[in-house]
N, C-alpha and C. Protein backbone atom coordinates (compact mmCIF):
# COMPACT_ATOMS: atom_id res chain seq x y z
N MET A 1 -26.00 38.65 30.75
CA MET A 1 -24.83 38.73 30.69
C MET A 1 -24.05 39.78 29.70
N ASP A 2 -23.76 40.82 29.81
CA ASP A 2 -22.94 41.94 28.67
C ASP A 2 -21.74 41.13 28.25
N GLU A 3 -21.38 41.72 27.18
CA GLU A 3 -20.24 41.60 26.46
C GLU A 3 -18.74 41.19 27.18
N ASN A 4 -18.71 42.31 28.18
CA ASN A 4 -17.44 41.77 28.91
C ASN A 4 -17.53 40.73 29.42
N TYR A 5 -18.71 40.24 30.00
CA TYR A 5 -18.10 38.86 30.47
C TYR A 5 -17.80 37.84 29.80
N TYR A 6 -18.11 38.02 28.14
CA TYR A 6 -17.81 36.88 27.02
C TYR A 6 -16.52 37.27 26.72
N PHE A 7 -15.80 38.52 26.49
CA PHE A 7 -15.07 39.25 26.93
C PHE A 7 -13.71 38.53 27.59
N GLU A 8 -14.23 38.64 28.74
CA GLU A 8 -13.36 38.25 29.77
C GLU A 8 -12.98 36.76 29.96
N ASN A 9 -14.21 35.95 29.30
CA ASN A 9 -13.95 34.79 29.44
C ASN A 9 -14.03 33.65 28.54
N ARG A 10 -13.37 34.85 27.15
CA ARG A 10 -12.98 34.37 26.01
C ARG A 10 -14.06 33.70 25.32
N ARG A 11 -15.25 34.17 25.62
CA ARG A 11 -16.45 33.41 24.53
C ARG A 11 -16.56 33.88 23.00
N GLY A 12 -16.87 33.18 22.63
CA GLY A 12 -17.42 33.87 21.28
C GLY A 12 -16.18 34.59 20.13
N LYS A 13 -17.06 35.48 19.74
CA LYS A 13 -16.54 36.36 18.62
C LYS A 13 -15.93 37.36 19.51
N TRP A 14 -16.48 38.02 20.60
CA TRP A 14 -15.89 39.11 21.69
C TRP A 14 -14.79 38.66 22.18
N SER A 15 -14.36 37.80 21.80
CA SER A 15 -12.48 37.32 22.04
C SER A 15 -11.70 37.27 21.05
N ASP A 16 -11.86 37.59 19.90
CA ASP A 16 -11.53 37.67 18.54
C ASP A 16 -11.10 39.17 18.32
N LYS A 17 -9.52 39.05 18.32
CA LYS A 17 -8.73 40.28 18.10
C LYS A 17 -9.78 41.37 17.01
N GLY A 18 -9.54 40.21 15.93
CA GLY A 18 -10.44 41.06 14.57
C GLY A 18 -11.61 41.18 14.15
N VAL A 19 -12.32 41.34 15.00
CA VAL A 19 -14.17 41.32 15.12
C VAL A 19 -14.23 42.34 16.00
N PRO A 20 -14.59 43.99 15.31
CA PRO A 20 -15.04 45.19 16.31
C PRO A 20 -15.84 44.80 17.03
N HIS A 21 -15.76 45.71 18.62
CA HIS A 21 -16.84 45.39 19.62
C HIS A 21 -17.51 46.88 19.38
N LYS A 22 -17.22 47.90 18.68
CA LYS A 22 -18.02 48.96 18.65
C LYS A 22 -18.41 49.56 17.33
N GLY A 23 -19.15 50.16 16.94
CA GLY A 23 -19.54 50.83 15.58
C GLY A 23 -20.11 50.02 14.66
N TRP A 24 -20.83 49.03 14.77
CA TRP A 24 -22.05 48.16 14.46
C TRP A 24 -23.18 49.06 14.25
N LYS A 25 -23.73 48.24 13.10
CA LYS A 25 -25.06 48.87 12.57
C LYS A 25 -26.12 48.00 12.43
N CYS A 26 -27.10 48.01 13.35
CA CYS A 26 -28.51 47.09 12.84
C CYS A 26 -29.09 47.19 11.56
N ILE A 27 -29.10 46.39 11.01
CA ILE A 27 -29.67 46.44 9.21
C ILE A 27 -30.97 45.88 9.50
N ASP A 28 -31.40 45.36 10.49
CA ASP A 28 -32.39 44.56 10.15
C ASP A 28 -32.84 43.51 11.76
N ILE A 29 -34.28 43.51 12.19
CA ILE A 29 -34.72 42.88 13.16
C ILE A 29 -35.63 42.01 12.64
N GLU A 30 -35.56 40.64 13.66
CA GLU A 30 -36.40 39.90 13.04
C GLU A 30 -36.79 38.86 14.13
N ASP A 31 -37.88 38.28 14.50
CA ASP A 31 -38.59 37.48 15.72
C ASP A 31 -38.80 36.41 15.03
N LEU A 32 -38.07 35.63 15.76
CA LEU A 32 -38.41 34.10 15.26
C LEU A 32 -39.61 33.07 16.17
N GLY A 33 -40.24 34.24 16.73
CA GLY A 33 -41.10 33.14 17.17
C GLY A 33 -40.79 32.36 18.66
N GLU A 34 -39.31 32.39 18.74
CA GLU A 34 -39.37 31.34 19.57
C GLU A 34 -37.79 31.16 19.47
N PRO A 35 -36.75 31.44 20.86
CA PRO A 35 -35.74 30.74 20.62
C PRO A 35 -35.16 30.02 19.62
N SER A 36 -34.60 30.22 18.81
CA SER A 36 -34.18 29.05 17.72
C SER A 36 -32.92 29.08 16.79
N LEU A 37 -31.89 30.16 17.39
CA LEU A 37 -30.89 30.37 16.70
C LEU A 37 -29.60 30.44 17.63
N THR A 38 -28.39 30.41 17.40
CA THR A 38 -27.62 30.59 18.35
C THR A 38 -27.02 32.29 18.10
N CYS A 39 -26.63 33.13 18.67
CA CYS A 39 -26.22 34.27 18.70
C CYS A 39 -24.56 34.13 17.82
N GLU A 40 -24.51 35.15 16.62
CA GLU A 40 -23.22 34.81 16.16
C GLU A 40 -22.37 35.73 16.92
N MET A 41 -22.50 36.43 18.16
CA MET A 41 -21.22 37.10 18.41
C MET A 41 -20.79 36.40 20.06
N CYS A 42 -21.87 36.21 20.17
CA CYS A 42 -21.00 35.20 21.75
C CYS A 42 -21.16 33.94 21.90
N GLU A 43 -21.67 33.54 20.55
CA GLU A 43 -21.80 31.82 20.00
C GLU A 43 -22.26 30.33 21.33
N SER A 44 -23.26 31.45 22.07
CA SER A 44 -23.45 30.24 22.91
C SER A 44 -25.23 30.91 23.51
N GLN A 45 -25.53 31.97 23.76
CA GLN A 45 -26.94 32.39 23.71
C GLN A 45 -28.07 31.83 22.81
N GLU A 46 -28.86 31.12 23.10
CA GLU A 46 -29.81 30.80 21.71
C GLU A 46 -31.13 32.32 21.75
N ILE A 47 -31.24 32.60 20.82
CA ILE A 47 -31.82 34.02 20.46
C ILE A 47 -33.29 34.00 19.61
N ARG A 48 -34.41 34.53 19.89
CA ARG A 48 -35.69 34.84 19.45
C ARG A 48 -35.44 36.01 18.66
N TYR A 49 -35.04 37.32 19.32
CA TYR A 49 -35.11 38.20 18.24
C TYR A 49 -33.48 38.73 17.83
N VAL A 50 -33.94 38.36 16.37
CA VAL A 50 -32.15 38.60 15.81
C VAL A 50 -32.39 39.64 15.12
N HIS A 51 -31.15 40.26 15.50
CA HIS A 51 -30.53 41.67 15.07
C HIS A 51 -29.72 41.60 13.98
N TYR A 52 -29.29 42.14 12.71
CA TYR A 52 -28.71 41.66 11.83
C TYR A 52 -28.03 42.66 12.01
N MET A 53 -26.83 42.74 11.94
CA MET A 53 -25.51 43.52 12.35
C MET A 53 -24.32 43.81 11.46
N LYS A 54 -23.98 45.08 11.09
CA LYS A 54 -23.06 45.60 9.72
C LYS A 54 -22.03 46.12 10.28
N HIS A 55 -20.83 46.02 10.00
CA HIS A 55 -19.90 47.01 10.27
C HIS A 55 -19.03 47.19 9.07
N PRO A 56 -18.58 48.65 9.17
CA PRO A 56 -17.60 48.52 7.50
C PRO A 56 -16.07 47.68 8.20
N GLY A 57 -15.77 47.60 9.09
CA GLY A 57 -14.39 46.93 9.25
C GLY A 57 -14.64 45.15 9.70
N TYR A 58 -15.62 44.89 9.22
CA TYR A 58 -16.25 42.93 9.22
C TYR A 58 -16.61 42.60 7.72
N LYS A 59 -16.32 41.49 7.31
CA LYS A 59 -16.95 41.36 6.09
C LYS A 59 -18.20 40.73 5.89
N ASP A 60 -18.63 40.02 7.30
CA ASP A 60 -19.97 39.55 7.48
C ASP A 60 -20.99 40.30 8.20
N ILE A 61 -21.95 39.58 7.69
CA ILE A 61 -23.23 40.34 8.46
C ILE A 61 -23.59 39.60 9.71
N LEU A 62 -23.58 39.72 11.05
CA LEU A 62 -23.56 39.17 12.26
C LEU A 62 -25.21 38.63 12.65
N LYS A 63 -25.44 37.59 12.78
CA LYS A 63 -26.92 37.70 13.38
C LYS A 63 -26.93 37.79 15.02
N VAL A 64 -27.73 38.86 15.65
CA VAL A 64 -27.05 38.92 17.11
C VAL A 64 -28.28 38.59 17.91
N GLY A 65 -28.58 38.65 19.08
CA GLY A 65 -29.60 39.12 19.60
C GLY A 65 -29.71 38.58 21.15
N CYS A 66 -31.04 38.65 21.42
CA CYS A 66 -31.26 37.81 22.74
C CYS A 66 -32.72 37.03 22.49
N ASP A 67 -33.19 36.62 23.84
CA ASP A 67 -34.19 35.47 23.88
C ASP A 67 -35.36 36.46 24.39
N PHE A 68 -35.47 37.37 25.06
CA PHE A 68 -36.57 38.14 25.63
C PHE A 68 -37.07 39.50 25.10
N SER A 69 -38.44 39.82 25.52
CA SER A 69 -38.58 41.52 24.53
C SER A 69 -38.32 42.42 25.64
N ILE A 70 -38.36 43.11 25.19
CA ILE A 70 -38.09 44.45 25.97
C ILE A 70 -39.20 45.35 25.91
N ASN A 71 -40.02 45.52 26.61
CA ASN A 71 -41.15 46.25 26.89
C ASN A 71 -40.99 47.74 26.94
N SER A 72 -41.44 48.45 26.33
CA SER A 72 -41.47 50.21 26.77
C SER A 72 -42.58 50.73 27.23
N THR A 73 -42.56 51.65 28.27
CA THR A 73 -43.75 52.36 28.87
C THR A 73 -43.98 53.61 28.57
């Protein structure tokens, strides 16, 4: 599901007016080995691959991500 689903369904921080939807910068990535953390943006998806995101207009670094690997060919 993409951010529009979470925004339209008022899920997680996607529905908070004070949280920017664009302009985030990834400052680090971590593989937890298995899904073991809840995404701090949608607040519902268990994630394995954590992207630490920072925004100049938001005070906290958010841990967001997914539970699958994207393989490039």
